[in-house]
Amino acid sequence: MIERSDDEAPKHALRVLIVEDDALIGMLYEDVLVEMGHRVCAIEMTESGAISAAALFKPDLMIVDGALRKGSGLVAVREILREGFIPHVFVSGDVSAIQRQIPDAIVVQKPFLDHDLARAIQRALATATAI
């Protein structure tokens, strides 16, 4: 787990958990999210790590790779949501595979542009307020 500091984050910032099994891509996501004004509480590379980090950090948002080398991002999200809803966005090279398993999932196709992720985050947050 890569833990992040809360120092110097804007007050409106979301605490984001990134679940991505490629460390470099996870750090790139972090850069994008920080540019958007959010803060990353952790980057997890495994299903079990994601579940533990969600319980520990209680993030406001999760950015989740659907397929992980160790486990599944989909399974991790299902397990995390048992404790309560957390807005989430899946990122995947195969959007249809995720939507077959979770038809109403918010999914961003890899590779994506920053504004695509920003729109997906807004949709995820809107879904959370509708619940």
N, C-alpha and C. Protein backbone atom coordinates (compact mmCIF):
# COMPACT_ATOMS: atom_id res chain seq x y z
N MET A 1 0.84 -1.16 0.00
CA MET A 1 0.00 0.00 0.00
C MET A 1 0.89 1.23 0.00
N ILE A 2 0.50 2.21 -0.80
CA ILE A 2 1.18 3.50 -0.80
C ILE A 2 0.22 4.46 -0.11
N GLU A 3 0.57 4.93 1.09
CA GLU A 3 -0.28 5.83 1.84
C GLU A 3 0.09 7.26 1.49
N ARG A 4 -0.93 8.10 1.42
CA ARG A 4 -0.74 9.49 1.05
C ARG A 4 -1.06 10.41 2.22
N SER A 5 -0.39 11.54 2.28
CA SER A 5 -0.61 12.54 3.31
C SER A 5 -1.80 13.42 2.93
N ASP A 6 -2.49 13.93 3.94
CA ASP A 6 -3.60 14.85 3.71
C ASP A 6 -3.14 16.31 3.68
N ASP A 7 -1.85 16.56 3.84
CA ASP A 7 -1.33 17.92 3.89
C ASP A 7 -1.66 18.69 2.61
N GLU A 8 -2.04 19.94 2.78
CA GLU A 8 -2.23 20.90 1.71
C GLU A 8 -3.33 20.53 0.73
N ALA A 9 -4.25 19.65 1.09
CA ALA A 9 -5.37 19.33 0.21
C ALA A 9 -6.46 20.38 0.41
N PRO A 10 -7.11 20.81 -0.67
CA PRO A 10 -8.19 21.77 -0.52
C PRO A 10 -9.33 21.18 0.31
N LYS A 11 -10.11 22.04 0.97
CA LYS A 11 -11.18 21.57 1.84
C LYS A 11 -12.25 20.81 1.07
N HIS A 12 -12.48 21.11 -0.17
CA HIS A 12 -13.50 20.44 -0.97
C HIS A 12 -12.98 19.14 -1.61
N ALA A 13 -11.75 18.83 -1.37
CA ALA A 13 -11.13 17.66 -2.01
C ALA A 13 -11.80 16.37 -1.57
N LEU A 14 -11.94 15.46 -2.51
CA LEU A 14 -12.40 14.12 -2.20
C LEU A 14 -11.20 13.28 -1.80
N ARG A 15 -11.40 12.40 -0.83
CA ARG A 15 -10.36 11.42 -0.47
C ARG A 15 -10.59 10.22 -1.39
N VAL A 16 -9.60 9.92 -2.22
CA VAL A 16 -9.77 8.92 -3.27
C VAL A 16 -8.87 7.71 -3.01
N LEU A 17 -9.47 6.54 -3.13
CA LEU A 17 -8.73 5.28 -3.12
C LEU A 17 -8.58 4.84 -4.56
N ILE A 18 -7.34 4.61 -4.98
CA ILE A 18 -7.06 4.11 -6.32
C ILE A 18 -6.75 2.62 -6.20
N VAL A 19 -7.41 1.82 -7.02
CA VAL A 19 -7.15 0.38 -7.08
C VAL A 19 -6.66 0.09 -8.49
N GLU A 20 -5.36 -0.13 -8.61
CA GLU A 20 -4.71 -0.32 -9.93
C GLU A 20 -3.48 -1.18 -9.73
N ASP A 21 -3.38 -2.27 -10.48
CA ASP A 21 -2.27 -3.20 -10.26
C ASP A 21 -0.97 -2.80 -10.95
N ASP A 22 -0.98 -1.76 -11.73
CA ASP A 22 0.24 -1.24 -12.34
C ASP A 22 0.62 0.03 -11.58
N ALA A 23 1.72 -0.02 -10.83
CA ALA A 23 2.11 1.10 -9.96
C ALA A 23 2.28 2.40 -10.74
N LEU A 24 2.86 2.34 -11.92
CA LEU A 24 3.06 3.55 -12.71
C LEU A 24 1.73 4.17 -13.12
N ILE A 25 0.80 3.35 -13.56
CA ILE A 25 -0.52 3.87 -13.93
C ILE A 25 -1.23 4.43 -12.71
N GLY A 26 -1.11 3.76 -11.57
CA GLY A 26 -1.70 4.26 -10.34
C GLY A 26 -1.17 5.65 -9.99
N MET A 27 0.12 5.85 -10.16
CA MET A 27 0.71 7.16 -9.88
C MET A 27 0.25 8.21 -10.89
N LEU A 28 0.05 7.80 -12.14
CA LEU A 28 -0.48 8.72 -13.15
C LEU A 28 -1.90 9.15 -12.78
N TYR A 29 -2.73 8.19 -12.34
CA TYR A 29 -4.08 8.52 -11.88
C TYR A 29 -4.01 9.50 -10.73
N GLU A 30 -3.08 9.25 -9.82
CA GLU A 30 -2.92 10.15 -8.68
C GLU A 30 -2.62 11.57 -9.16
N ASP A 31 -1.71 11.71 -10.10
CA ASP A 31 -1.37 13.03 -10.63
C ASP A 31 -2.60 13.73 -11.20
N VAL A 32 -3.41 13.00 -11.96
CA VAL A 32 -4.62 13.56 -12.56
C VAL A 32 -5.59 14.00 -11.46
N LEU A 33 -5.79 13.15 -10.47
CA LEU A 33 -6.73 13.47 -9.39
C LEU A 33 -6.27 14.66 -8.57
N VAL A 34 -4.98 14.75 -8.31
CA VAL A 34 -4.43 15.89 -7.57
C VAL A 34 -4.63 17.17 -8.38
N GLU A 35 -4.40 17.09 -9.68
CA GLU A 35 -4.64 18.25 -10.56
C GLU A 35 -6.09 18.70 -10.49
N MET A 36 -7.02 17.75 -10.29
CA MET A 36 -8.45 18.06 -10.18
C MET A 36 -8.80 18.64 -8.81
N GLY A 37 -7.84 18.61 -7.88
CA GLY A 37 -8.08 19.17 -6.56
C GLY A 37 -8.41 18.14 -5.50
N HIS A 38 -8.27 16.87 -5.82
CA HIS A 38 -8.56 15.80 -4.87
C HIS A 38 -7.28 15.31 -4.21
N ARG A 39 -7.42 14.45 -3.23
CA ARG A 39 -6.25 13.86 -2.59
C ARG A 39 -6.42 12.34 -2.60
N VAL A 40 -5.32 11.66 -2.77
CA VAL A 40 -5.32 10.20 -2.82
C VAL A 40 -4.92 9.68 -1.45
N CYS A 41 -5.79 8.88 -0.84
CA CYS A 41 -5.48 8.34 0.48
C CYS A 41 -4.66 7.06 0.38
N ALA A 42 -4.79 6.32 -0.73
CA ALA A 42 -3.99 5.10 -0.92
C ALA A 42 -4.08 4.64 -2.36
N ILE A 43 -3.05 3.93 -2.78
CA ILE A 43 -3.05 3.22 -4.06
C ILE A 43 -2.87 1.76 -3.71
N GLU A 44 -3.83 0.94 -4.09
CA GLU A 44 -3.78 -0.49 -3.80
C GLU A 44 -3.67 -1.27 -5.10
N MET A 45 -2.95 -2.39 -5.03
CA MET A 45 -2.70 -3.17 -6.23
C MET A 45 -3.41 -4.53 -6.24
N THR A 46 -4.08 -4.87 -5.12
CA THR A 46 -4.74 -6.17 -5.01
C THR A 46 -6.16 -6.01 -4.49
N GLU A 47 -6.95 -7.04 -4.72
CA GLU A 47 -8.32 -7.07 -4.22
C GLU A 47 -8.34 -6.94 -2.69
N SER A 48 -7.56 -7.77 -2.01
CA SER A 48 -7.56 -7.74 -0.55
C SER A 48 -7.03 -6.41 -0.02
N GLY A 49 -6.02 -5.86 -0.67
CA GLY A 49 -5.49 -4.56 -0.25
C GLY A 49 -6.53 -3.46 -0.39
N ALA A 50 -7.31 -3.51 -1.47
CA ALA A 50 -8.37 -2.51 -1.69
C ALA A 50 -9.42 -2.59 -0.60
N ILE A 51 -9.82 -3.79 -0.24
CA ILE A 51 -10.84 -3.98 0.80
C ILE A 51 -10.32 -3.43 2.13
N SER A 52 -9.09 -3.76 2.48
CA SER A 52 -8.50 -3.27 3.73
C SER A 52 -8.36 -1.75 3.73
N ALA A 53 -7.90 -1.18 2.63
CA ALA A 53 -7.70 0.26 2.56
C ALA A 53 -9.03 1.01 2.64
N ALA A 54 -10.07 0.47 2.03
CA ALA A 54 -11.38 1.12 2.10
C ALA A 54 -11.89 1.15 3.54
N ALA A 55 -11.68 0.06 4.28
CA ALA A 55 -12.10 0.01 5.67
C ALA A 55 -11.29 0.98 6.52
N LEU A 56 -10.01 1.09 6.24
CA LEU A 56 -9.11 1.95 7.02
C LEU A 56 -9.32 3.44 6.73
N PHE A 57 -9.37 3.80 5.45
CA PHE A 57 -9.37 5.21 5.06
C PHE A 57 -10.75 5.81 4.83
N LYS A 58 -11.78 4.97 4.65
CA LYS A 58 -13.14 5.47 4.40
C LYS A 58 -13.14 6.53 3.30
N PRO A 59 -12.72 6.16 2.08
CA PRO A 59 -12.61 7.15 1.00
C PRO A 59 -13.98 7.70 0.58
N ASP A 60 -13.93 8.87 -0.05
CA ASP A 60 -15.13 9.49 -0.61
C ASP A 60 -15.42 8.99 -2.01
N LEU A 61 -14.39 8.40 -2.64
CA LEU A 61 -14.48 7.96 -4.03
C LEU A 61 -13.44 6.88 -4.26
N MET A 62 -13.76 5.94 -5.15
CA MET A 62 -12.79 4.92 -5.54
C MET A 62 -12.66 4.93 -7.06
N ILE A 63 -11.42 4.85 -7.53
CA ILE A 63 -11.12 4.66 -8.95
C ILE A 63 -10.54 3.25 -9.03
N VAL A 64 -11.21 2.36 -9.77
CA VAL A 64 -10.90 0.94 -9.68
C VAL A 64 -10.68 0.31 -11.05
N ASP A 65 -9.54 -0.34 -11.20
CA ASP A 65 -9.27 -1.16 -12.38
C ASP A 65 -10.10 -2.44 -12.23
N GLY A 66 -10.83 -2.79 -13.25
CA GLY A 66 -11.69 -3.97 -13.16
C GLY A 66 -10.93 -5.27 -13.02
N ALA A 67 -9.81 -5.40 -13.70
CA ALA A 67 -9.03 -6.63 -13.68
C ALA A 67 -7.69 -6.38 -12.99
N LEU A 68 -7.45 -7.13 -11.92
CA LEU A 68 -6.19 -7.01 -11.18
C LEU A 68 -5.41 -8.32 -11.33
N ARG A 69 -4.11 -8.24 -11.20
CA ARG A 69 -3.30 -9.47 -11.26
C ARG A 69 -3.62 -10.38 -10.07
N LYS A 70 -3.87 -9.78 -8.91
CA LYS A 70 -4.21 -10.54 -7.70
C LYS A 70 -5.61 -10.18 -7.29
N GLY A 71 -6.57 -10.92 -7.83
CA GLY A 71 -7.97 -10.69 -7.51
C GLY A 71 -8.68 -9.90 -8.58
N SER A 72 -9.80 -9.33 -8.17
CA SER A 72 -10.67 -8.61 -9.10
C SER A 72 -11.11 -7.29 -8.47
N GLY A 73 -11.03 -6.24 -9.26
CA GLY A 73 -11.54 -4.96 -8.80
C GLY A 73 -13.05 -5.00 -8.60
N LEU A 74 -13.74 -5.76 -9.44
CA LEU A 74 -15.20 -5.90 -9.31
C LEU A 74 -15.57 -6.56 -8.00
N VAL A 75 -14.87 -7.63 -7.66
CA VAL A 75 -15.14 -8.33 -6.41
C VAL A 75 -14.80 -7.43 -5.22
N ALA A 76 -13.70 -6.71 -5.32
CA ALA A 76 -13.32 -5.79 -4.24
C ALA A 76 -14.41 -4.76 -4.00
N VAL A 77 -14.93 -4.15 -5.07
CA VAL A 77 -15.97 -3.14 -4.92
C VAL A 77 -17.22 -3.75 -4.31
N ARG A 78 -17.62 -4.91 -4.78
CA ARG A 78 -18.81 -5.56 -4.20
C ARG A 78 -18.64 -5.77 -2.69
N GLU A 79 -17.46 -6.22 -2.29
CA GLU A 79 -17.19 -6.47 -0.88
C GLU A 79 -17.18 -5.16 -0.09
N ILE A 80 -16.54 -4.14 -0.62
CA ILE A 80 -16.46 -2.83 0.05
C ILE A 80 -17.86 -2.24 0.23
N LEU A 81 -18.71 -2.38 -0.78
CA LEU A 81 -20.05 -1.78 -0.73
C LEU A 81 -20.96 -2.46 0.28
N ARG A 82 -20.58 -3.62 0.76
CA ARG A 82 -21.37 -4.28 1.82
C ARG A 82 -21.40 -3.44 3.09
N GLU A 83 -20.36 -2.65 3.30
CA GLU A 83 -20.25 -1.80 4.50
C GLU A 83 -20.91 -0.45 4.30
N GLY A 84 -21.33 -0.13 3.10
CA GLY A 84 -21.96 1.15 2.81
C GLY A 84 -21.50 1.65 1.45
N PHE A 85 -22.31 2.49 0.86
CA PHE A 85 -22.02 2.94 -0.50
C PHE A 85 -20.87 3.94 -0.52
N ILE A 86 -19.97 3.74 -1.47
CA ILE A 86 -18.90 4.67 -1.79
C ILE A 86 -18.95 4.88 -3.30
N PRO A 87 -19.07 6.11 -3.76
CA PRO A 87 -19.05 6.34 -5.20
C PRO A 87 -17.79 5.74 -5.81
N HIS A 88 -17.94 5.17 -7.00
CA HIS A 88 -16.79 4.51 -7.62
C HIS A 88 -16.89 4.59 -9.13
N VAL A 89 -15.71 4.60 -9.74
CA VAL A 89 -15.57 4.61 -11.19
C VAL A 89 -14.62 3.48 -11.54
N PHE A 90 -15.04 2.65 -12.47
CA PHE A 90 -14.15 1.60 -12.97
C PHE A 90 -13.39 2.14 -14.17
N VAL A 91 -12.14 1.73 -14.31
CA VAL A 91 -11.36 2.01 -15.51
C VAL A 91 -10.96 0.66 -16.09
N SER A 92 -11.10 0.54 -17.40
CA SER A 92 -10.85 -0.77 -18.00
C SER A 92 -10.56 -0.64 -19.49
N GLY A 93 -9.80 -1.59 -19.97
CA GLY A 93 -9.58 -1.71 -21.40
C GLY A 93 -10.74 -2.44 -22.06
N ASP A 94 -11.60 -3.06 -21.25
CA ASP A 94 -12.75 -3.83 -21.76
C ASP A 94 -14.00 -3.42 -21.00
N VAL A 95 -14.59 -2.31 -21.41
CA VAL A 95 -15.77 -1.76 -20.76
C VAL A 95 -16.92 -2.76 -20.76
N SER A 96 -17.12 -3.44 -21.86
CA SER A 96 -18.26 -4.36 -21.96
C SER A 96 -18.16 -5.51 -20.96
N ALA A 97 -16.95 -5.96 -20.63
CA ALA A 97 -16.79 -7.04 -19.65
C ALA A 97 -17.29 -6.60 -18.28
N ILE A 98 -17.02 -5.36 -17.92
CA ILE A 98 -17.50 -4.85 -16.63
C ILE A 98 -19.00 -4.65 -16.68
N GLN A 99 -19.51 -4.08 -17.76
CA GLN A 99 -20.94 -3.81 -17.86
C GLN A 99 -21.78 -5.08 -17.96
N ARG A 100 -21.18 -6.17 -18.41
CA ARG A 100 -21.90 -7.46 -18.40
C ARG A 100 -22.12 -7.92 -16.96
N GLN A 101 -21.15 -7.65 -16.09
CA GLN A 101 -21.26 -8.08 -14.70
C GLN A 101 -22.00 -7.07 -13.82
N ILE A 102 -21.83 -5.79 -14.12
CA ILE A 102 -22.49 -4.72 -13.37
C ILE A 102 -23.07 -3.75 -14.39
N PRO A 103 -24.30 -4.01 -14.85
CA PRO A 103 -24.88 -3.22 -15.95
C PRO A 103 -24.92 -1.72 -15.74
N ASP A 104 -25.10 -1.25 -14.52
CA ASP A 104 -25.18 0.20 -14.29
C ASP A 104 -23.85 0.81 -13.85
N ALA A 105 -22.77 0.07 -14.02
CA ALA A 105 -21.44 0.56 -13.61
C ALA A 105 -21.05 1.80 -14.42
N ILE A 106 -20.34 2.68 -13.77
CA ILE A 106 -19.74 3.83 -14.44
C ILE A 106 -18.33 3.41 -14.79
N VAL A 107 -18.06 3.34 -16.10
CA VAL A 107 -16.78 2.81 -16.58
C VAL A 107 -16.15 3.78 -17.56
N VAL A 108 -14.86 3.98 -17.40
CA VAL A 108 -14.08 4.80 -18.32
C VAL A 108 -13.14 3.86 -19.08
N GLN A 109 -13.16 3.98 -20.38
CA GLN A 109 -12.31 3.15 -21.25
C GLN A 109 -10.86 3.61 -21.16
N LYS A 110 -9.94 2.67 -20.93
CA LYS A 110 -8.50 2.96 -20.99
C LYS A 110 -8.07 2.97 -22.44
N PRO A 111 -7.20 3.81 -22.86
CA PRO A 111 -6.74 5.03 -22.19
C PRO A 111 -7.83 6.09 -22.26
N PHE A 112 -7.79 7.04 -21.35
CA PHE A 112 -8.83 8.07 -21.29
C PHE A 112 -8.19 9.44 -21.16
N LEU A 113 -8.98 10.46 -21.44
CA LEU A 113 -8.55 11.84 -21.26
C LEU A 113 -9.02 12.31 -19.88
N ASP A 114 -8.35 13.29 -19.33
CA ASP A 114 -8.68 13.79 -18.00
C ASP A 114 -10.15 14.18 -17.88
N HIS A 115 -10.68 14.85 -18.91
CA HIS A 115 -12.08 15.29 -18.81
C HIS A 115 -13.04 14.10 -18.82
N ASP A 116 -12.65 12.97 -19.43
CA ASP A 116 -13.49 11.77 -19.37
C ASP A 116 -13.60 11.27 -17.94
N LEU A 117 -12.48 11.26 -17.23
CA LEU A 117 -12.48 10.83 -15.84
C LEU A 117 -13.27 11.82 -14.98
N ALA A 118 -13.10 13.10 -15.22
CA ALA A 118 -13.82 14.11 -14.45
C ALA A 118 -15.33 13.95 -14.61
N ARG A 119 -15.79 13.69 -15.83
CA ARG A 119 -17.22 13.48 -16.07
C ARG A 119 -17.72 12.22 -15.37
N ALA A 120 -16.91 11.16 -15.43
CA ALA A 120 -17.29 9.91 -14.77
C ALA A 120 -17.38 10.10 -13.25
N ILE A 121 -16.45 10.87 -12.69
CA ILE A 121 -16.49 11.15 -11.25
C ILE A 121 -17.77 11.90 -10.90
N GLN A 122 -18.12 12.89 -11.71
CA GLN A 122 -19.35 13.65 -11.45
C GLN A 122 -20.58 12.74 -11.52
N ARG A 123 -20.60 11.83 -12.47
CA ARG A 123 -21.72 10.86 -12.55
C ARG A 123 -21.76 9.98 -11.32
N ALA A 124 -20.60 9.51 -10.87
CA ALA A 124 -20.55 8.65 -9.68
C ALA A 124 -21.03 9.41 -8.44
N LEU A 125 -20.63 10.64 -8.31
CA LEU A 125 -21.07 11.46 -7.17
C LEU A 125 -22.56 11.73 -7.23
N ALA A 126 -23.08 11.97 -8.43
CA ALA A 126 -24.52 12.18 -8.59
C ALA A 126 -25.30 10.93 -8.23
N THR A 127 -24.77 9.79 -8.57
CA THR A 127 -25.40 8.51 -8.22
C THR A 127 -25.46 8.37 -6.71
N ALA A 128 -24.40 8.77 -6.03
CA ALA A 128 -24.33 8.65 -4.57
C ALA A 128 -25.38 9.53 -3.91
N THR A 129 -25.62 10.73 -4.43
CA THR A 129 -26.61 11.61 -3.82
C THR A 129 -28.02 11.14 -4.11
N ALA A 130 -28.20 10.36 -5.17
CA ALA A 130 -29.52 9.84 -5.51
C ALA A 130 -29.90 8.63 -4.65
N ILE A 131 -28.90 8.05 -3.97
CA ILE A 131 -29.16 6.85 -3.17
C ILE A 131 -29.72 7.22 -1.81
